[in-house]
Amino acid sequence: MTPVNLGLPVYASEDVGNLRGTESFPKAARHELKNRQLRDNLHNATHTIRAKRAEVVDEKDDWQALRTAGSEIKRDVMARMPELLEQFEESVTERGGIVHWARDAVEANEIVTRLVQETGETDIIKVKSMATQEIGLNEALEEAGIHAQETDLAELIVQLADDMPSHILVPAIHRNRNEIREIFLDGIPDVDPNLSNNPPELAEAARVFLREQFMKAKVAISGANFGIAETGTVTVVESEGNGRMCLTMPETLITVMGIEKLLPKFEDLEVFLQLLPRSSTGERMNPYTSLWTGVTEGDGPQTFHIVLLDNGRTAALGDAIGREALKCIRCSACLNICPVYERTGGHAYGSTYPGPIGAILSPQLTGMDSAKDPNASLPYASSLCGACYEVCPVKIDIPSALLELRQRKVTEHRPPVEGKIFSAMAMMMGNRALWNRAVRAAFTARLLGARTGGYIPSLPSFLSGWTDARDTPVPPKHSFRTKWDKGEVDLDTERDNQIPSKINGLDGR
């Protein structure tokens, strides 16, 4: 089948499945911040993962060279996407696989549903997959009378709780062992009613339940970490072995792969199989790295389908920020280092892809249609500390991308009140006399902090949003220009006062 019109921004935002949330990040985050247990869970998990990551990264003297190589390989993929996709299709087909092209979530779900129905099965098993979560595949299959059983432990927890994932790598990061025990008691048939919250016991309960699913399933669905254009090889890396069971035991395997997951050559895996495990789980190598190429008689699934998913990706390819965002290898390192994500969790983002990468990827895939669009608030879900760029294994400059998206939002959907304020400020800054008068007038704001130790606890009207979560220092007695004119400025002291203290997490790694 001929690939769709790749490389051109041809698909509208309404075509891209269930990515779009219904509530802005500030509103959703305010709700999540009230959950103390959530914050404790996130703090413990993210700090543990990033400490492990830092340790194994420090072992690599060529880590920065690996990051550069990974970035350049992915940029090459974005530049040659149509050519590489055609090569990949040819390679898969030559080795007995069947390639399907899906323009959007609806088409992808229809293809997978049809393929499952053709087998006559109504119960299937799944490997953890962000792509299938993105398109809402489980829900689409359920409507067709097909139950898709998640086999990743964290995804199983989320599924049994009728919950949503909150992390790219660890979907149930927002749950603790007590909550998981209750979920298993309610959701796993015939589980021991005396089940404790001891992690080995919880894991064993899941293992017993899932082993039965593995043994009887004839159809499995997976995502893909990488697809090799040169050979048609597909790769899945995971830590539990459930993926290996799904990829080898069923008779039919259906893989849903975003078109950006391509690598040109098999040897490129050498770079990414060093970058991904260290950045994601803090491991030198994933415990299970599964590679398969088409169909092999008598070994593994005898029918292999792969669905190449666009779902807004060609639109993103037509944009500089979009191309950078599509380099993402879903390691989640940016989530684990982000001070905003650590406090709000993934649900606040209203997207399949939370955290810093989600803040740029979701607007690229689904657009920012209006100032009230939930995606329009995501570029502001950041302190711009830069930690996410420092840990990104493929050097995605997320802070710069967030700033650019903020600029686009303001340009395309200028806020009525703020727009007038900043227009007035621009006029004052362009006129020295007006600016000097405005600075002198600003000194009167010192009166607001006269009884509170030099801080303004609450600003009036629409400005109150700024002081809802912080105090505002009162203006100084004299402006810098006044002090300069009086010869009272010590440049060395002023410079030292402007150097920020070391940001936690930015230690050169």
Protein backbone atom coordinates (compact mmCIF):
# COMPACT_ATOMS: atom_id res chain seq x y z
CA MET A 1 0.00 0.00 0.00
CA THR A 2 1.31 3.45 -0.85
CA PRO A 3 2.10 5.61 2.20
CA VAL A 4 -0.03 8.62 2.91
CA ASN A 5 1.16 12.13 2.08
CA LEU A 6 3.96 12.12 4.63
CA GLY A 7 5.87 15.28 5.46
CA LEU A 8 2.97 17.63 4.90
CA PRO A 9 0.71 19.17 7.59
CA VAL A 10 -2.44 17.59 6.17
CA TYR A 11 -4.33 16.20 9.18
CA ALA A 12 -6.53 18.41 11.28
CA SER A 13 -6.36 18.31 15.07
CA GLU A 14 -9.78 16.69 15.42
CA ASP A 15 -8.43 13.57 13.68
CA VAL A 16 -5.89 12.58 16.31
CA GLY A 17 -7.80 10.47 18.80
CA ASN A 18 -8.11 10.91 22.53
CA LEU A 19 -5.04 13.03 23.21
CA ARG A 20 -6.94 16.22 23.93
CA GLY A 21 -7.91 16.87 27.54
CA THR A 22 -10.98 18.70 28.75
CA GLU A 23 -9.50 20.90 31.47
CA SER A 24 -6.64 23.40 31.42
CA PHE A 25 -3.43 22.49 33.20
CA PRO A 26 -3.73 25.21 35.90
CA LYS A 27 -7.19 23.99 36.94
CA ALA A 28 -6.26 20.32 36.85
CA ALA A 29 -2.97 20.94 38.65
CA ARG A 30 -4.70 22.86 41.43
CA HIS A 31 -6.82 19.79 42.10
CA GLU A 32 -3.88 17.36 41.98
CA LEU A 33 -1.74 19.50 44.28
CA LYS A 34 -4.25 18.93 47.08
CA ASN A 35 -3.45 15.21 47.04
CA ARG A 36 -0.65 14.79 49.59
CA GLN A 37 -0.38 11.05 49.00
CA LEU A 38 0.10 11.66 45.29
CA ARG A 39 2.93 14.13 45.92
CA ASP A 40 4.66 11.71 48.30
CA ASN A 41 4.36 8.85 45.80
CA LEU A 42 5.74 10.96 42.98
CA HIS A 43 8.59 12.36 45.05
CA ASN A 44 9.78 8.93 46.16
CA ALA A 45 9.50 7.34 42.73
CA THR A 46 11.02 10.11 40.62
CA HIS A 47 13.93 10.70 43.00
CA THR A 48 14.73 6.99 43.08
CA ILE A 49 14.70 6.67 39.28
CA ARG A 50 16.75 9.78 38.61
CA ALA A 51 19.37 8.82 41.20
CA LYS A 52 19.79 5.44 39.45
CA ARG A 53 19.98 7.20 36.10
CA ALA A 54 22.68 9.59 37.27
CA GLU A 55 24.79 6.67 38.53
CA VAL A 56 24.75 4.64 35.31
CA VAL A 57 25.18 7.72 33.11
CA ASP A 58 28.30 8.70 35.03
CA GLU A 59 29.83 5.38 34.02
CA LYS A 60 29.81 6.40 30.35
CA ASP A 61 32.73 8.61 29.38
CA ASP A 62 31.14 9.07 25.95
CA TRP A 63 27.63 9.90 27.20
CA GLN A 64 27.52 13.31 25.54
CA ALA A 65 28.75 11.80 22.27
CA LEU A 66 26.00 9.18 22.50
CA ARG A 67 23.40 11.92 23.04
CA THR A 68 24.69 13.77 19.99
CA ALA A 69 24.64 10.60 17.89
CA GLY A 70 21.08 9.80 18.98
CA SER A 71 19.93 13.31 18.16
CA GLU A 72 21.53 13.27 14.70
CA ILE A 73 20.12 9.83 13.82
CA LYS A 74 16.60 10.94 14.73
CA ARG A 75 16.99 14.18 12.77
CA ASP A 76 18.02 12.12 9.77
CA VAL A 77 14.85 10.05 10.19
CA MET A 78 12.69 13.17 10.23
CA ALA A 79 14.40 14.48 7.09
CA ARG A 80 13.94 11.20 5.16
CA MET A 81 10.69 9.92 6.63
CA PRO A 82 8.83 8.99 3.38
CA GLU A 83 11.84 7.19 1.95
CA LEU A 84 12.54 5.26 5.17
CA LEU A 85 8.91 4.28 5.65
CA GLU A 86 8.74 2.81 2.15
CA GLN A 87 11.99 0.94 2.79
CA PHE A 88 10.59 -0.35 6.10
CA GLU A 89 7.37 -1.54 4.43
CA GLU A 90 9.34 -3.36 1.75
CA SER A 91 11.61 -5.02 4.34
CA VAL A 92 8.70 -6.15 6.54
CA THR A 93 6.75 -7.48 3.56
CA GLU A 94 9.74 -9.41 2.20
CA ARG A 95 9.97 -11.23 5.53
CA GLY A 96 6.33 -12.25 5.72
CA GLY A 97 4.84 -9.33 7.66
CA ILE A 98 1.82 -7.30 6.59
CA VAL A 99 1.96 -3.49 6.74
CA HIS A 100 -1.08 -1.25 7.26
CA TRP A 101 -1.15 2.57 7.10
CA ALA A 102 -3.35 4.54 9.48
CA ARG A 103 -3.93 8.25 8.98
CA ASP A 104 -5.49 8.83 12.39
CA ALA A 105 -6.79 7.18 15.54
CA VAL A 106 -10.11 6.21 13.98
CA GLU A 107 -8.48 4.44 11.06
CA ALA A 108 -5.91 2.69 13.29
CA ASN A 109 -8.62 1.41 15.63
CA GLU A 110 -10.69 0.19 12.71
CA ILE A 111 -7.73 -1.71 11.26
CA VAL A 112 -6.77 -3.39 14.55
CA THR A 113 -10.38 -4.25 15.38
CA ARG A 114 -10.89 -5.81 11.97
CA LEU A 115 -7.68 -7.84 12.26
CA VAL A 116 -8.69 -9.21 15.66
CA GLN A 117 -12.21 -10.01 14.47
CA GLU A 118 -10.79 -11.96 11.53
CA THR A 119 -9.14 -14.32 14.02
CA GLY A 120 -12.46 -14.96 15.78
CA GLU A 121 -10.94 -14.13 19.18
CA THR A 122 -12.63 -11.91 21.77
CA ASP A 123 -9.91 -11.97 24.45
CA ILE A 124 -6.43 -10.73 23.61
CA ILE A 125 -3.30 -9.67 25.50
CA LYS A 126 -1.31 -6.44 25.21
CA VAL A 127 2.20 -5.16 25.77
CA LYS A 128 2.47 -1.69 27.31
CA SER A 129 2.12 0.83 24.47
CA MET A 130 1.87 4.61 24.46
CA ALA A 131 0.68 4.57 20.84
CA THR A 132 -2.34 2.39 21.65
CA GLN A 133 -3.09 4.55 24.68
CA GLU A 134 -2.88 7.62 22.44
CA ILE A 135 -5.53 6.33 20.04
CA GLY A 136 -7.79 4.81 22.72
CA LEU A 137 -7.45 1.32 21.29
CA ASN A 138 -8.66 -0.56 24.37
CA GLU A 139 -11.89 1.42 24.42
CA ALA A 140 -12.43 0.90 20.69
CA LEU A 141 -11.92 -2.85 21.06
CA GLU A 142 -14.28 -2.96 24.04
CA GLU A 143 -17.01 -1.38 21.93
CA ALA A 144 -16.51 -4.21 19.44
CA GLY A 145 -16.84 -6.84 22.16
CA ILE A 146 -13.11 -7.54 22.45
CA HIS A 147 -11.33 -7.46 25.82
CA ALA A 148 -7.70 -6.36 25.68
CA GLN A 149 -5.84 -7.51 28.80
CA GLU A 150 -2.90 -5.33 29.79
CA THR A 151 0.05 -7.46 30.92
CA ASP A 152 2.54 -4.86 32.13
CA LEU A 153 2.22 -4.76 35.93
CA ALA A 154 1.69 -1.00 36.12
CA GLU A 155 -0.72 -1.00 33.19
CA LEU A 156 -2.59 -3.89 34.83
CA ILE A 157 -2.97 -1.80 38.01
CA VAL A 158 -4.29 1.14 35.99
CA GLN A 159 -6.67 -1.05 34.01
CA LEU A 160 -8.10 -2.86 37.04
CA ALA A 161 -8.65 0.48 38.80
CA ASP A 162 -10.40 1.93 35.72
CA ASP A 163 -7.77 4.65 35.96
CA MET A 164 -5.54 6.52 33.51
CA PRO A 165 -1.72 6.28 33.25
CA SER A 166 0.15 9.18 34.81
CA HIS A 167 3.70 8.49 33.62
CA ILE A 168 5.27 7.40 30.33
CA LEU A 169 7.41 4.68 31.87
CA VAL A 170 5.63 3.90 35.16
CA PRO A 171 1.89 4.35 34.46
CA ALA A 172 0.86 3.61 38.06
CA ILE A 173 3.48 5.85 39.67
CA HIS A 174 0.68 7.68 41.48
CA ARG A 175 -0.38 4.52 43.36
CA ASN A 176 1.23 3.11 46.52
CA ARG A 177 1.30 -0.49 47.73
CA ASN A 178 -1.78 -0.10 49.94
CA GLU A 179 -3.81 1.20 47.03
CA ILE A 180 -2.52 -1.57 44.76
CA ARG A 181 -3.55 -4.22 47.30
CA GLU A 182 -7.11 -2.88 47.33
CA ILE A 183 -7.17 -2.74 43.53
CA PHE A 184 -6.06 -6.38 43.27
CA LEU A 185 -8.57 -7.53 45.87
CA ASP A 186 -11.36 -5.86 43.89
CA GLY A 187 -10.19 -6.65 40.36
CA ILE A 188 -8.36 -9.98 40.19
CA PRO A 189 -10.65 -13.03 40.22
CA ASP A 190 -10.05 -15.57 42.99
CA VAL A 191 -7.22 -13.56 44.56
CA ASP A 192 -6.26 -14.52 48.13
CA PRO A 193 -8.44 -12.37 50.43
CA ASN A 194 -5.51 -12.30 52.89
CA LEU A 195 -3.23 -10.69 50.30
CA SER A 196 -0.85 -8.26 52.02
CA ASN A 197 0.71 -5.06 50.69
CA ASN A 198 4.15 -6.71 50.51
CA PRO A 199 5.52 -6.05 46.97
CA PRO A 200 6.61 -9.67 46.31
CA GLU A 201 3.14 -10.91 47.25
CA LEU A 202 1.48 -8.31 45.04
CA ALA A 203 3.75 -9.22 42.15
CA GLU A 204 3.01 -12.93 42.64
CA ALA A 205 -0.75 -12.29 42.59
CA ALA A 206 -0.37 -10.46 39.29
CA ARG A 207 1.93 -13.18 37.92
CA VAL A 208 -0.53 -15.99 38.68
CA PHE A 209 -3.37 -14.07 37.04
CA LEU A 210 -1.37 -13.06 33.97
CA ARG A 211 0.18 -16.47 33.40
CA GLU A 212 -3.29 -17.83 32.69
CA GLN A 213 -3.87 -15.03 30.17
CA PHE A 214 -0.56 -15.76 28.39
CA MET A 215 -1.28 -19.47 28.10
CA LYS A 216 -4.69 -19.11 26.46
CA ALA A 217 -4.22 -16.02 24.27
CA LYS A 218 -3.98 -16.46 20.52
CA VAL A 219 -3.70 -12.76 19.64
CA ALA A 220 -1.38 -10.12 21.09
CA ILE A 221 -1.03 -6.39 20.48
CA SER A 222 2.17 -4.44 21.05
CA GLY A 223 3.71 -1.09 20.46
CA ALA A 224 7.31 -0.63 19.31
CA ASN A 225 10.34 1.18 20.63
CA PHE A 226 12.13 1.07 17.28
CA GLY A 227 11.55 -0.12 13.73
CA ILE A 228 14.58 -0.66 11.48
CA ALA A 229 14.06 0.47 7.90
CA GLU A 230 17.04 -1.51 6.60
CA THR A 231 15.85 -4.92 7.84
CA GLY A 232 12.19 -4.53 8.84
CA THR A 233 13.12 -5.49 12.41
CA VAL A 234 10.86 -4.31 15.25
CA THR A 235 12.15 -3.85 18.79
CA VAL A 236 10.45 -3.80 22.19
CA VAL A 237 12.42 -3.26 25.40
CA GLU A 238 10.90 -3.98 28.83
CA SER A 239 11.75 -5.08 32.34
CA GLU A 240 9.21 -7.71 33.37
CA GLY A 241 9.14 -10.40 30.69
CA ASN A 242 5.45 -9.91 29.98
CA GLY A 243 6.39 -8.37 26.65
CA ARG A 244 8.46 -11.39 25.70
CA MET A 245 5.49 -13.64 26.50
CA CYS A 246 3.14 -11.55 24.36
CA LEU A 247 5.57 -11.34 21.47
CA THR A 248 6.37 -15.04 21.25
CA MET A 249 3.43 -17.18 22.44
CA PRO A 250 0.31 -16.04 20.48
CA GLU A 251 -0.42 -17.12 16.93
CA THR A 252 -1.07 -13.55 15.71
CA LEU A 253 0.85 -10.40 16.63
CA ILE A 254 -0.41 -6.91 15.78
CA THR A 255 2.02 -4.02 16.37
CA VAL A 256 1.00 -0.36 16.38
CA MET A 257 4.01 1.87 15.69
CA GLY A 258 4.19 5.64 15.39
CA ILE A 259 5.97 6.54 12.18
CA GLU A 260 8.62 8.51 14.10
CA LYS A 261 9.92 5.31 15.75
CA LEU A 262 12.02 4.43 12.70
CA LEU A 263 15.79 4.04 12.67
CA PRO A 264 17.60 3.84 9.32
CA LYS A 265 20.05 0.99 10.02
CA PHE A 266 20.31 -1.99 12.34
CA GLU A 267 23.60 -0.67 13.70
CA ASP A 268 21.77 2.44 14.98
CA LEU A 269 20.33 0.26 17.73
CA GLU A 270 23.81 0.27 19.29
CA VAL A 271 23.31 3.93 20.20
CA PHE A 272 19.72 3.74 21.39
CA LEU A 273 20.09 0.55 23.42
CA GLN A 274 22.64 2.47 25.49
CA LEU A 275 20.65 5.70 25.72
CA LEU A 276 17.16 4.34 26.43
CA PRO A 277 17.64 2.00 29.43
CA ARG A 278 19.97 4.37 31.24
CA SER A 279 17.61 7.30 30.74
CA SER A 280 14.39 5.44 31.52
CA THR A 281 14.95 2.85 34.25
CA GLY A 282 18.50 3.66 35.31
CA GLU A 283 19.72 0.30 33.98
CA ARG A 284 22.71 -0.48 31.79
CA MET A 285 20.52 -2.74 29.69
CA ASN A 286 16.86 -3.65 29.74
CA PRO A 287 16.27 -7.15 31.17
CA TYR A 288 14.24 -8.04 28.07
CA THR A 289 15.12 -6.73 24.61
CA SER A 290 12.94 -8.45 22.00
CA LEU A 291 13.64 -8.14 18.28
CA TRP A 292 11.66 -9.82 15.51
CA THR A 293 11.77 -9.57 11.75
CA GLY A 294 8.62 -10.59 9.92
CA VAL A 295 7.56 -14.20 10.41
CA THR A 296 9.75 -17.26 11.07
CA GLU A 297 8.19 -20.66 10.42
CA GLY A 298 7.75 -22.66 13.62
CA ASP A 299 9.02 -19.86 15.84
CA GLY A 300 6.77 -17.24 17.39
CA PRO A 301 3.60 -15.74 15.87
CA GLN A 302 2.89 -17.05 12.39
CA THR A 303 0.91 -13.95 11.41
CA PHE A 304 2.44 -10.51 11.93
CA HIS A 305 0.70 -7.22 11.20
CA ILE A 306 2.19 -3.79 11.78
CA VAL A 307 0.07 -0.63 11.74
CA LEU A 308 2.07 2.51 10.91
CA LEU A 309 0.38 5.33 12.78
CA ASP A 310 0.38 8.96 11.64
CA ASN A 311 -2.20 10.60 13.90
CA GLY A 312 -0.87 14.14 13.54
CA ARG A 313 2.78 13.28 13.07
CA THR A 314 3.07 14.50 9.48
CA ALA A 315 1.65 17.82 10.62
CA ALA A 316 4.31 17.97 13.31
CA LEU A 317 7.00 17.18 10.73
CA GLY A 318 6.13 20.41 8.95
CA ASP A 319 7.09 22.44 12.01
CA ALA A 320 10.56 22.99 13.50
CA ILE A 321 9.38 22.34 17.06
CA GLY A 322 7.35 19.36 15.93
CA ARG A 323 10.35 17.73 14.28
CA GLU A 324 12.36 18.10 17.47
CA ALA A 325 9.52 16.73 19.60
CA LEU A 326 9.23 13.66 17.37
CA LYS A 327 12.82 12.74 18.24
CA CYS A 328 11.49 11.63 21.64
CA ILE A 329 12.22 7.97 22.47
CA ARG A 330 9.74 7.92 25.41
CA CYS A 331 12.37 7.43 28.11
CA SER A 332 10.58 9.72 30.63
CA ALA A 333 13.83 11.21 31.99
CA CYS A 334 12.36 14.69 31.60
CA LEU A 335 9.37 13.74 33.79
CA ASN A 336 11.58 12.36 36.54
CA ILE A 337 13.66 15.55 36.78
CA CYS A 338 10.83 18.08 36.33
CA PRO A 339 9.84 20.00 39.50
CA VAL A 340 6.40 20.71 38.05
CA TYR A 341 5.59 17.11 37.13
CA GLU A 342 6.87 15.89 40.49
CA ARG A 343 4.24 17.95 42.27
CA THR A 344 1.26 17.62 39.94
CA GLY A 345 1.57 14.17 38.40
CA GLY A 346 0.61 13.15 34.89
CA HIS A 347 -3.18 13.45 35.10
CA ALA A 348 -2.98 17.25 35.32
CA TYR A 349 -1.67 17.41 31.75
CA GLY A 350 -4.86 15.91 30.29
CA SER A 351 -2.82 14.06 27.68
CA THR A 352 -1.38 10.63 26.92
CA TYR A 353 2.05 12.28 27.07
CA PRO A 354 2.55 14.18 30.34
CA GLY A 355 5.49 16.14 31.68
CA PRO A 356 7.84 18.45 29.75
CA ILE A 357 7.81 16.40 26.54
CA GLY A 358 4.02 16.20 26.65
CA ALA A 359 3.84 19.98 27.02
CA ILE A 360 5.37 20.36 23.55
CA LEU A 361 4.30 17.09 21.90
CA SER A 362 0.57 17.29 22.64
CA PRO A 363 0.12 20.80 21.17
CA GLN A 364 2.04 19.62 18.11
CA LEU A 365 -0.12 16.54 17.57
CA THR A 366 -3.49 18.11 18.38
CA GLY A 367 -2.92 21.84 17.97
CA MET A 368 -3.90 24.85 20.08
CA ASP A 369 -7.15 25.83 18.42
CA SER A 370 -8.07 28.68 20.73
CA ALA A 371 -6.98 30.49 23.85
CA LYS A 372 -9.38 28.26 25.83
CA ASP A 373 -8.02 25.02 24.36
CA PRO A 374 -6.59 22.89 27.21
CA ASN A 375 -3.44 22.37 25.14
CA ALA A 376 -2.85 26.13 25.11
CA SER A 377 -1.97 26.03 28.80
CA LEU A 378 0.56 23.18 28.53
CA PRO A 379 3.54 25.31 27.37
CA TYR A 380 3.17 27.19 30.67
CA ALA A 381 3.44 23.98 32.73
CA SER A 382 7.15 24.58 33.27
CA SER A 383 9.54 26.59 35.41
CA LEU A 384 11.98 26.73 32.45
CA CYS A 385 14.77 25.53 34.74
CA GLY A 386 16.34 23.62 31.86
CA ALA A 387 16.74 20.33 33.73
CA CYS A 388 14.70 18.46 31.10
CA TYR A 389 17.16 19.40 28.35
CA GLU A 390 20.12 18.34 30.46
CA VAL A 391 18.78 14.79 30.87
CA CYS A 392 17.16 14.27 27.45
CA PRO A 393 19.08 11.45 25.73
CA VAL A 394 18.43 12.88 22.25
CA LYS A 395 18.98 16.54 23.15
CA ILE A 396 15.47 17.90 22.64
CA ASP A 397 15.64 21.55 23.68
CA ILE A 398 12.34 21.50 25.53
CA PRO A 399 12.70 24.90 27.29
CA SER A 400 13.27 26.71 23.99
CA ALA A 401 10.34 24.87 22.42
CA LEU A 402 8.09 25.86 25.33
CA LEU A 403 9.06 29.51 24.93
CA GLU A 404 8.31 29.37 21.21
CA LEU A 405 4.90 27.78 21.84
CA ARG A 406 4.10 30.47 24.41
CA GLN A 407 4.99 33.09 21.82
CA ARG A 408 2.72 31.44 19.25
CA LYS A 409 -0.17 31.28 21.66
CA VAL A 410 0.13 34.95 22.54
CA THR A 411 0.52 35.92 18.88
CA GLU A 412 -2.42 33.85 17.63
CA HIS A 413 -4.72 34.30 20.63
CA ARG A 414 -3.72 37.59 22.22
CA PRO A 415 -5.19 37.82 25.75
CA PRO A 416 -7.46 40.90 25.83
CA VAL A 417 -6.40 42.31 29.21
CA GLU A 418 -2.77 41.19 29.22
CA GLY A 419 -2.43 42.25 25.60
CA LYS A 420 -3.40 45.81 26.44
CA ILE A 421 -1.12 45.86 29.47
CA PHE A 422 1.90 44.71 27.50
CA SER A 423 1.12 47.12 24.67
CA ALA A 424 1.12 49.92 27.21
CA MET A 425 4.38 48.65 28.69
CA ALA A 426 5.96 48.54 25.23
CA MET A 427 4.95 52.15 24.65
CA MET A 428 6.40 53.22 28.02
CA MET A 429 9.64 51.30 27.52
CA GLY A 430 10.07 52.97 24.15
CA ASN A 431 9.75 56.45 25.66
CA ARG A 432 12.34 57.41 28.28
CA ALA A 433 10.27 60.16 29.87
CA LEU A 434 7.19 57.95 30.21
CA TRP A 435 9.26 55.11 31.62
CA ASN A 436 10.87 57.31 34.27
CA ARG A 437 7.45 58.55 35.37
CA ALA A 438 6.09 55.01 35.53
CA VAL A 439 9.07 53.86 37.64
CA ARG A 440 8.57 56.73 40.08
CA ALA A 441 4.85 55.94 40.30
CA ALA A 442 5.62 52.28 40.98
CA PHE A 443 7.35 53.22 44.21
CA THR A 444 3.96 53.96 45.75
CA ALA A 445 3.38 50.18 45.75
CA ARG A 446 5.73 50.08 48.76
CA LEU A 447 2.74 51.13 50.82
CA LEU A 448 1.10 47.74 50.13
CA GLY A 449 3.92 46.01 51.96
CA ALA A 450 4.30 48.45 54.83
CA ARG A 451 2.72 46.06 57.35
CA THR A 452 3.95 42.75 55.94
CA GLY A 453 7.71 43.02 56.10
CA GLY A 454 8.34 44.33 52.61
CA TYR A 455 6.17 41.85 50.70
CA ILE A 456 2.82 42.28 48.99
CA PRO A 457 0.67 39.29 49.99
CA SER A 458 -2.23 40.01 47.63
CA LEU A 459 -2.58 42.03 44.45
CA PRO A 460 -5.97 43.41 43.37
CA SER A 461 -8.33 42.28 40.60
CA PHE A 462 -6.93 40.11 37.79
CA LEU A 463 -3.42 40.48 39.21
CA SER A 464 -4.45 38.32 42.16
CA GLY A 465 -3.61 35.19 40.18
CA TRP A 466 0.06 36.02 40.63
CA THR A 467 -0.16 36.27 44.42
CA ASP A 468 -2.44 33.26 44.92
CA ALA A 469 0.64 31.11 45.38
CA ARG A 470 3.44 33.60 46.14
CA ASP A 471 4.24 36.89 47.84
CA THR A 472 5.49 39.79 45.73
CA PRO A 473 8.46 41.89 46.91
CA VAL A 474 7.77 45.62 47.10
CA PRO A 475 9.70 47.85 44.67
CA PRO A 476 13.07 49.17 45.91
CA LYS A 477 13.34 52.68 47.26
CA HIS A 478 15.36 53.83 44.27
CA SER A 479 15.66 52.57 40.72
CA PHE A 480 18.93 51.31 39.29
CA ARG A 481 19.15 54.38 37.05
CA THR A 482 18.76 56.71 40.02
CA LYS A 483 21.49 54.88 41.91
CA TRP A 484 23.70 54.96 38.81
CA ASP A 485 23.25 58.69 38.40
CA LYS A 486 24.25 59.17 42.03
CA GLY A 487 27.33 56.95 41.69
CA GLU A 488 25.94 54.41 44.17
CA VAL A 489 26.23 51.31 41.92
CA ASP A 490 28.88 48.65 42.55
CA LEU A 491 28.81 46.58 39.35
CA ASP A 492 30.54 43.57 40.92
CA THR A 493 27.98 43.45 43.74
CA GLU A 494 25.06 43.90 41.35
CA ARG A 495 26.36 41.13 39.10
CA ASP A 496 26.82 38.72 42.01
CA ASN A 497 23.30 39.44 43.19
CA GLN A 498 21.97 38.41 39.79
CA ILE A 499 23.72 35.00 39.64
CA PRO A 500 21.15 32.34 40.64
CA SER A 501 22.03 29.63 43.10
CA LYS A 502 22.67 26.15 41.73
CA ILE A 503 19.42 24.57 40.55
CA ASN A 504 18.82 21.18 42.06
CA GLY A 505 19.31 18.55 39.40
CA LEU A 506 21.46 20.64 37.04
CA ASP A 507 24.83 19.19 38.00
CA GLY A 508 26.30 18.81 34.54
CA ARG A 509 24.98 15.33 33.88
